[in-house]
Amino acid sequence: MSVPKGIYLAYFFQALIAVNGVYALATGRYGEMFTAFFMFGLTFVPYVAADRLDIRFPWFVYFLISLALWIHIAGYVQGWYVTLYPYYDKIAHLVSGISVALIGFLGVIFLERYWRMCLTPLFVAGFTVIFGLALGAIWEIYEFLVDQIFGGSLAGPMQNDLGDTMLDMIFVLIGSVGVALIGIAYFHTHRKSELADAMTGEDPDADSFL
């Protein structure tokens, strides 16, 4: 099976995460170094999950996860969360929202095949939005707890006020709705089974999609 060219974008951002870790080490910022290399390890989770579950994710899943984690660690190491506030933070939440919603979208398609359900495209789209918002809310709770217990993160307070938190959730919502709308558009010309076949390797033409 040929490797899709798009996967090299994922490799590129994985490398950038590692570079930020090395930079943090060279400048003696060991907390940021640990975080960078931890996130570098997280970028391999979808590869391991795909291998263990014997499924095939589209290349842009790996790319978006690597991109989201790079945006996060670069914001700490390069100080962009502070110097580019609030725009950088909102872009980070937008990309993260897209990534999480995409995982939810593909996950429910896979589970539909595994559990032999028959879900409507509208249900899949609704689940995608709810899944993205749920994970976004959990992250906001995490930010709140970090501020309350530790007084903030490496870049300072993670939440400034209620307005900042709500804007974060709005950008997560925008990303989640965007994925849901693309999914609905996809279902206008394709069956859900085609996507499931592509992920399970049952579609001989899956390489063009993945």
C-alpha atoms as a PDB file:
ATOM      1  CA  MET A   1       0.000   0.000   0.000  1.00  0.00           C
ATOM      2  CA  SER A   2       1.450   3.385  -1.016  1.00  0.00           C
ATOM      3  CA  VAL A   3       1.956   6.103   1.564  1.00  0.00           C
ATOM      4  CA  PRO A   4      -0.310   9.126   0.894  1.00  0.00           C
ATOM      5  CA  LYS A   5       1.706  12.269   0.204  1.00  0.00           C
ATOM      6  CA  GLY A   6      -0.339  14.224   2.730  1.00  0.00           C
ATOM      7  CA  ILE A   7       1.094  12.170   5.584  1.00  0.00           C
ATOM      8  CA  TYR A   8       4.377  14.026   5.165  1.00  0.00           C
ATOM      9  CA  LEU A   9       2.641  17.127   6.515  1.00  0.00           C
ATOM     10  CA  ALA A  10       2.008  15.192   9.713  1.00  0.00           C
ATOM     11  CA  TYR A  11       5.667  14.120   9.819  1.00  0.00           C
ATOM     12  CA  PHE A  12       6.718  17.747   9.315  1.00  0.00           C
ATOM     13  CA  PHE A  13       4.757  19.037  12.310  1.00  0.00           C
ATOM     14  CA  GLN A  14       5.874  16.079  14.422  1.00  0.00           C
ATOM     15  CA  ALA A  15       9.439  17.138  13.651  1.00  0.00           C
ATOM     16  CA  LEU A  16       8.647  20.740  14.586  1.00  0.00           C
ATOM     17  CA  ILE A  17       7.365  19.565  17.973  1.00  0.00           C
ATOM     18  CA  ALA A  18      10.637  17.713  18.544  1.00  0.00           C
ATOM     19  CA  VAL A  19      12.616  20.809  17.463  1.00  0.00           C
ATOM     20  CA  ASN A  20      10.749  22.882  20.051  1.00  0.00           C
ATOM     21  CA  GLY A  21      11.646  20.277  22.668  1.00  0.00           C
ATOM     22  CA  VAL A  22      15.325  20.468  21.739  1.00  0.00           C
ATOM     23  CA  TYR A  23      15.173  24.277  21.794  1.00  0.00           C
ATOM     24  CA  ALA A  24      13.612  24.238  25.262  1.00  0.00           C
ATOM     25  CA  LEU A  25      16.349  21.863  26.439  1.00  0.00           C
ATOM     26  CA  ALA A  26      19.094  24.045  24.974  1.00  0.00           C
ATOM     27  CA  THR A  27      17.703  27.110  26.731  1.00  0.00           C
ATOM     28  CA  GLY A  28      17.319  25.332  30.063  1.00  0.00           C
ATOM     29  CA  ARG A  29      13.517  25.385  30.141  1.00  0.00           C
ATOM     30  CA  TYR A  30      13.053  21.841  31.325  1.00  0.00           C
ATOM     31  CA  GLY A  31       9.344  22.046  32.068  1.00  0.00           C
ATOM     32  CA  GLU A  32       8.628  23.110  28.510  1.00  0.00           C
ATOM     33  CA  MET A  33      11.074  20.480  27.237  1.00  0.00           C
ATOM     34  CA  PHE A  34       9.188  17.735  29.075  1.00  0.00           C
ATOM     35  CA  THR A  35       5.857  19.015  27.738  1.00  0.00           C
ATOM     36  CA  ALA A  36       7.211  19.163  24.176  1.00  0.00           C
ATOM     37  CA  PHE A  37       8.530  15.612  24.197  1.00  0.00           C
ATOM     38  CA  PHE A  38       5.366  14.385  25.885  1.00  0.00           C
ATOM     39  CA  MET A  39       3.331  15.923  23.047  1.00  0.00           C
ATOM     40  CA  PHE A  40       5.756  14.468  20.519  1.00  0.00           C
ATOM     41  CA  GLY A  41       4.913  11.070  21.994  1.00  0.00           C
ATOM     42  CA  LEU A  42       1.194  11.826  21.775  1.00  0.00           C
ATOM     43  CA  THR A  43       1.481  12.329  18.009  1.00  0.00           C
ATOM     44  CA  PHE A  44       2.192   8.599  17.703  1.00  0.00           C
ATOM     45  CA  VAL A  45      -1.037   7.589  19.471  1.00  0.00           C
ATOM     46  CA  PRO A  46      -3.185   7.559  16.277  1.00  0.00           C
ATOM     47  CA  TYR A  47      -0.572   5.409  14.509  1.00  0.00           C
ATOM     48  CA  VAL A  48      -0.581   2.912  17.380  1.00  0.00           C
ATOM     49  CA  ALA A  49      -4.396   2.988  17.626  1.00  0.00           C
ATOM     50  CA  ALA A  50      -4.764   2.345  13.901  1.00  0.00           C
ATOM     51  CA  ASP A  51      -2.359  -0.590  14.120  1.00  0.00           C
ATOM     52  CA  ARG A  52      -4.001  -2.123  17.201  1.00  0.00           C
ATOM     53  CA  LEU A  53      -7.545  -1.684  15.894  1.00  0.00           C
ATOM     54  CA  ASP A  54      -6.543  -2.701  12.371  1.00  0.00           C
ATOM     55  CA  ILE A  55      -8.136   0.373  10.811  1.00  0.00           C
ATOM     56  CA  ARG A  56      -6.900   3.057   8.432  1.00  0.00           C
ATOM     57  CA  PHE A  57      -7.305   6.723   9.243  1.00  0.00           C
ATOM     58  CA  PRO A  58      -7.261   9.361   6.497  1.00  0.00           C
ATOM     59  CA  TRP A  59      -3.906  11.159   6.374  1.00  0.00           C
ATOM     60  CA  PHE A  60      -5.435  14.422   7.536  1.00  0.00           C
ATOM     61  CA  VAL A  61      -6.276  12.874  10.922  1.00  0.00           C
ATOM     62  CA  TYR A  62      -2.566  12.460  11.639  1.00  0.00           C
ATOM     63  CA  PHE A  63      -1.887  15.903  10.189  1.00  0.00           C
ATOM     64  CA  LEU A  64      -4.498  17.740  12.255  1.00  0.00           C
ATOM     65  CA  ILE A  65      -3.460  16.047  15.494  1.00  0.00           C
ATOM     66  CA  SER A  66       0.195  16.921  14.883  1.00  0.00           C
ATOM     67  CA  LEU A  67      -0.746  20.476  13.879  1.00  0.00           C
ATOM     68  CA  ALA A  68      -2.897  21.006  16.971  1.00  0.00           C
ATOM     69  CA  LEU A  69      -0.165  19.726  19.298  1.00  0.00           C
ATOM     70  CA  TRP A  70       2.490  21.813  17.548  1.00  0.00           C
ATOM     71  CA  ILE A  71       0.378  24.960  17.885  1.00  0.00           C
ATOM     72  CA  HIS A  72       0.019  24.200  21.587  1.00  0.00           C
ATOM     73  CA  ILE A  73       3.680  23.546  22.388  1.00  0.00           C
ATOM     74  CA  ALA A  74       4.999  26.302  20.114  1.00  0.00           C
ATOM     75  CA  GLY A  75       2.706  28.711  21.946  1.00  0.00           C
ATOM     76  CA  TYR A  76       4.511  27.821  25.163  1.00  0.00           C
ATOM     77  CA  VAL A  77       8.098  27.510  23.940  1.00  0.00           C
ATOM     78  CA  GLN A  78       8.028  30.491  21.555  1.00  0.00           C
ATOM     79  CA  GLY A  79       5.820  32.573  23.849  1.00  0.00           C
ATOM     80  CA  TRP A  80       3.132  33.065  21.209  1.00  0.00           C
ATOM     81  CA  TYR A  81       0.301  32.533  23.681  1.00  0.00           C
ATOM     82  CA  VAL A  82       1.455  35.769  25.336  1.00  0.00           C
ATOM     83  CA  THR A  83       2.780  37.857  22.442  1.00  0.00           C
ATOM     84  CA  LEU A  84      -0.075  36.983  20.071  1.00  0.00           C
ATOM     85  CA  TYR A  85      -2.873  36.920  22.655  1.00  0.00           C
ATOM     86  CA  PRO A  86      -5.804  36.499  22.148  1.00  0.00           C
ATOM     87  CA  TYR A  87      -5.609  35.530  18.460  1.00  0.00           C
ATOM     88  CA  TYR A  88      -3.162  32.671  18.822  1.00  0.00           C
ATOM     89  CA  ASP A  89      -5.175  31.063  21.599  1.00  0.00           C
ATOM     90  CA  LYS A  90      -8.364  31.179  19.531  1.00  0.00           C
ATOM     91  CA  ILE A  91      -6.636  29.622  16.509  1.00  0.00           C
ATOM     92  CA  ALA A  92      -5.395  26.871  18.829  1.00  0.00           C
ATOM     93  CA  HIS A  93      -8.941  26.165  20.016  1.00  0.00           C
ATOM     94  CA  LEU A  94     -10.294  26.260  16.458  1.00  0.00           C
ATOM     95  CA  VAL A  95      -7.764  23.705  15.186  1.00  0.00           C
ATOM     96  CA  SER A  96      -8.223  21.553  18.283  1.00  0.00           C
ATOM     97  CA  GLY A  97     -12.002  21.677  17.819  1.00  0.00           C
ATOM     98  CA  ILE A  98     -11.659  20.537  14.212  1.00  0.00           C
ATOM     99  CA  SER A  99      -9.292  17.722  15.196  1.00  0.00           C
ATOM    100  CA  VAL A 100     -11.444  16.408  18.047  1.00  0.00           C
ATOM    101  CA  ALA A 101     -14.671  16.662  16.025  1.00  0.00           C
ATOM    102  CA  LEU A 102     -13.063  14.764  13.145  1.00  0.00           C
ATOM    103  CA  ILE A 103     -12.060  11.979  15.534  1.00  0.00           C
ATOM    104  CA  GLY A 104     -15.642  11.864  16.806  1.00  0.00           C
ATOM    105  CA  PHE A 105     -17.016  11.816  13.255  1.00  0.00           C
ATOM    106  CA  LEU A 106     -14.801   8.939  12.122  1.00  0.00           C
ATOM    107  CA  GLY A 107     -15.243   7.152  15.437  1.00  0.00           C
ATOM    108  CA  VAL A 108     -19.029   7.012  15.218  1.00  0.00           C
ATOM    109  CA  ILE A 109     -18.803   5.788  11.602  1.00  0.00           C
ATOM    110  CA  PHE A 110     -16.487   3.003  12.708  1.00  0.00           C
ATOM    111  CA  LEU A 111     -18.696   2.080  15.681  1.00  0.00           C
ATOM    112  CA  GLU A 112     -21.763   2.017  13.445  1.00  0.00           C
ATOM    113  CA  ARG A 113     -20.075  -0.697  11.383  1.00  0.00           C
ATOM    114  CA  TYR A 114     -18.766  -2.551  14.449  1.00  0.00           C
ATOM    115  CA  TRP A 115     -22.080  -2.504  16.334  1.00  0.00           C
ATOM    116  CA  ARG A 116     -24.147  -2.992  13.162  1.00  0.00           C
ATOM    117  CA  MET A 117     -26.240   0.114  13.715  1.00  0.00           C
ATOM    118  CA  CYS A 118     -28.028   2.242  11.126  1.00  0.00           C
ATOM    119  CA  LEU A 119     -27.428   5.899  11.947  1.00  0.00           C
ATOM    120  CA  THR A 120     -28.773   8.774   9.892  1.00  0.00           C
ATOM    121  CA  PRO A 121     -26.341  11.358   8.499  1.00  0.00           C
ATOM    122  CA  LEU A 122     -28.059  13.978  10.672  1.00  0.00           C
ATOM    123  CA  PHE A 123     -27.379  11.912  13.795  1.00  0.00           C
ATOM    124  CA  VAL A 124     -23.703  11.526  12.807  1.00  0.00           C
ATOM    125  CA  ALA A 125     -23.420  15.289  12.271  1.00  0.00           C
ATOM    126  CA  GLY A 126     -25.108  16.027  15.591  1.00  0.00           C
ATOM    127  CA  PHE A 127     -22.871  13.577  17.424  1.00  0.00           C
ATOM    128  CA  THR A 128     -19.825  15.189  15.811  1.00  0.00           C
ATOM    129  CA  VAL A 129     -20.756  18.629  17.161  1.00  0.00           C
ATOM    130  CA  ILE A 130     -21.634  17.324  20.625  1.00  0.00           C
ATOM    131  CA  PHE A 131     -18.429  15.263  20.808  1.00  0.00           C
ATOM    132  CA  GLY A 132     -16.303  18.278  19.889  1.00  0.00           C
ATOM    133  CA  LEU A 133     -18.065  20.506  22.421  1.00  0.00           C
ATOM    134  CA  ALA A 134     -17.823  17.868  25.154  1.00  0.00           C
ATOM    135  CA  LEU A 135     -14.069  17.507  24.748  1.00  0.00           C
ATOM    136  CA  GLY A 136     -13.754  21.285  24.546  1.00  0.00           C
ATOM    137  CA  ALA A 137     -15.643  21.643  27.831  1.00  0.00           C
ATOM    138  CA  ILE A 138     -13.414  19.041  29.499  1.00  0.00           C
ATOM    139  CA  TRP A 139     -10.367  21.012  28.364  1.00  0.00           C
ATOM    140  CA  GLU A 140     -11.809  24.235  29.805  1.00  0.00           C
ATOM    141  CA  ILE A 141     -12.400  22.446  33.123  1.00  0.00           C
ATOM    142  CA  TYR A 142      -8.760  21.309  33.006  1.00  0.00           C
ATOM    143  CA  GLU A 143      -7.622  24.909  32.405  1.00  0.00           C
ATOM    144  CA  PHE A 144      -9.754  26.102  35.326  1.00  0.00           C
ATOM    145  CA  LEU A 145      -8.297  23.471  37.669  1.00  0.00           C
ATOM    146  CA  VAL A 146      -4.713  24.258  36.597  1.00  0.00           C
ATOM    147  CA  ASP A 147      -5.297  27.940  37.375  1.00  0.00           C
ATOM    148  CA  GLN A 148      -6.952  27.193  40.709  1.00  0.00           C
ATOM    149  CA  ILE A 149      -4.456  24.587  41.925  1.00  0.00           C
ATOM    150  CA  PHE A 150      -1.147  25.680  40.372  1.00  0.00           C
ATOM    151  CA  GLY A 151      -1.811  29.334  39.600  1.00  0.00           C
ATOM    152  CA  GLY A 152      -1.491  28.848  35.848  1.00  0.00           C
ATOM    153  CA  SER A 153       0.522  27.007  33.217  1.00  0.00           C
ATOM    154  CA  LEU A 154       3.949  27.580  31.688  1.00  0.00           C
ATOM    155  CA  ALA A 155       2.532  30.553  29.764  1.00  0.00           C
ATOM    156  CA  GLY A 156       0.711  32.064  32.746  1.00  0.00           C
ATOM    157  CA  PRO A 157      -3.015  31.878  33.586  1.00  0.00           C
ATOM    158  CA  MET A 158      -4.889  29.547  31.242  1.00  0.00           C
ATOM    159  CA  GLN A 159      -8.175  31.417  31.649  1.00  0.00           C
ATOM    160  CA  ASN A 160      -8.455  35.185  31.951  1.00  0.00           C
ATOM    161  CA  ASP A 161     -12.176  35.624  32.491  1.00  0.00           C
ATOM    162  CA  LEU A 162     -15.568  34.209  31.570  1.00  0.00           C
ATOM    163  CA  GLY A 163     -15.520  35.981  28.220  1.00  0.00           C
ATOM    164  CA  ASP A 164     -12.209  34.322  27.317  1.00  0.00           C
ATOM    165  CA  THR A 165     -13.573  30.881  28.223  1.00  0.00           C
ATOM    166  CA  MET A 166     -16.752  31.408  26.238  1.00  0.00           C
ATOM    167  CA  LEU A 167     -14.792  32.574  23.191  1.00  0.00           C
ATOM    168  CA  ASP A 168     -12.690  29.422  23.444  1.00  0.00           C
ATOM    169  CA  MET A 169     -15.852  27.313  23.395  1.00  0.00           C
ATOM    170  CA  ILE A 170     -17.281  29.309  20.494  1.00  0.00           C
ATOM    171  CA  PHE A 171     -14.181  28.597  18.399  1.00  0.00           C
ATOM    172  CA  VAL A 172     -14.387  24.918  19.329  1.00  0.00           C
ATOM    173  CA  LEU A 173     -18.047  25.027  18.245  1.00  0.00           C
ATOM    174  CA  ILE A 174     -17.122  26.652  14.926  1.00  0.00           C
ATOM    175  CA  GLY A 175     -14.578  23.927  14.233  1.00  0.00           C
ATOM    176  CA  SER A 176     -16.983  21.150  15.227  1.00  0.00           C
ATOM    177  CA  VAL A 177     -19.837  22.532  13.117  1.00  0.00           C
ATOM    178  CA  GLY A 178     -17.459  22.891  10.175  1.00  0.00           C
ATOM    179  CA  VAL A 179     -16.549  19.202  10.364  1.00  0.00           C
ATOM    180  CA  ALA A 180     -20.232  18.244  10.696  1.00  0.00           C
ATOM    181  CA  LEU A 181     -21.189  20.302   7.629  1.00  0.00           C
ATOM    182  CA  ILE A 182     -18.392  18.756   5.577  1.00  0.00           C
ATOM    183  CA  GLY A 183     -19.623  15.349   6.720  1.00  0.00           C
ATOM    184  CA  ILE A 184     -23.177  16.114   5.609  1.00  0.00           C
ATOM    185  CA  ALA A 185     -21.878  17.321   2.233  1.00  0.00           C
ATOM    186  CA  TYR A 186     -19.841  14.114   1.913  1.00  0.00           C
ATOM    187  CA  PHE A 187     -22.938  11.992   2.600  1.00  0.00           C
ATOM    188  CA  HIS A 188     -24.782  13.703  -0.257  1.00  0.00           C
ATOM    189  CA  THR A 189     -22.496  11.960  -2.737  1.00  0.00           C
ATOM    190  CA  HIS A 190     -21.231   8.966  -0.750  1.00  0.00           C
ATOM    191  CA  ARG A 191     -22.643   6.304   1.532  1.00  0.00           C
ATOM    192  CA  LYS A 192     -21.455   5.941   5.110  1.00  0.00           C
ATOM    193  CA  SER A 193     -20.484   2.389   4.273  1.00  0.00           C
ATOM    194  CA  GLU A 194     -17.915   3.687   1.770  1.00  0.00           C
ATOM    195  CA  LEU A 195     -16.098   5.558   4.523  1.00  0.00           C
ATOM    196  CA  ALA A 196     -16.283   2.547   6.833  1.00  0.00           C
ATOM    197  CA  ASP A 197     -14.936   0.325   4.045  1.00  0.00           C
ATOM    198  CA  ALA A 198     -12.055   2.745   3.529  1.00  0.00           C
ATOM    199  CA  MET A 199     -11.117   2.671   7.205  1.00  0.00           C
ATOM    200  CA  THR A 200     -11.331  -1.117   7.464  1.00  0.00           C
ATOM    201  CA  GLY A 201      -9.452  -1.673   4.208  1.00  0.00           C
ATOM    202  CA  GLU A 202     -12.401  -3.353   2.488  1.00  0.00           C
ATOM    203  CA  ASP A 203     -12.545  -0.726  -0.274  1.00  0.00           C
ATOM    204  CA  PRO A 204      -9.954  -1.420  -3.004  1.00  0.00           C
ATOM    205  CA  ASP A 205     -10.057   2.249  -4.035  1.00  0.00           C
ATOM    206  CA  ALA A 206      -9.499   3.557  -0.511  1.00  0.00           C
ATOM    207  CA  ASP A 207      -5.983   4.803  -1.261  1.00  0.00           C
ATOM    208  CA  SER A 208      -7.422   7.715  -3.235  1.00  0.00           C
ATOM    209  CA  PHE A 209      -9.305   8.848  -0.135  1.00  0.00           C
ATOM    210  CA  LEU A 210      -6.740   8.030   2.527  1.00  0.00           C
END
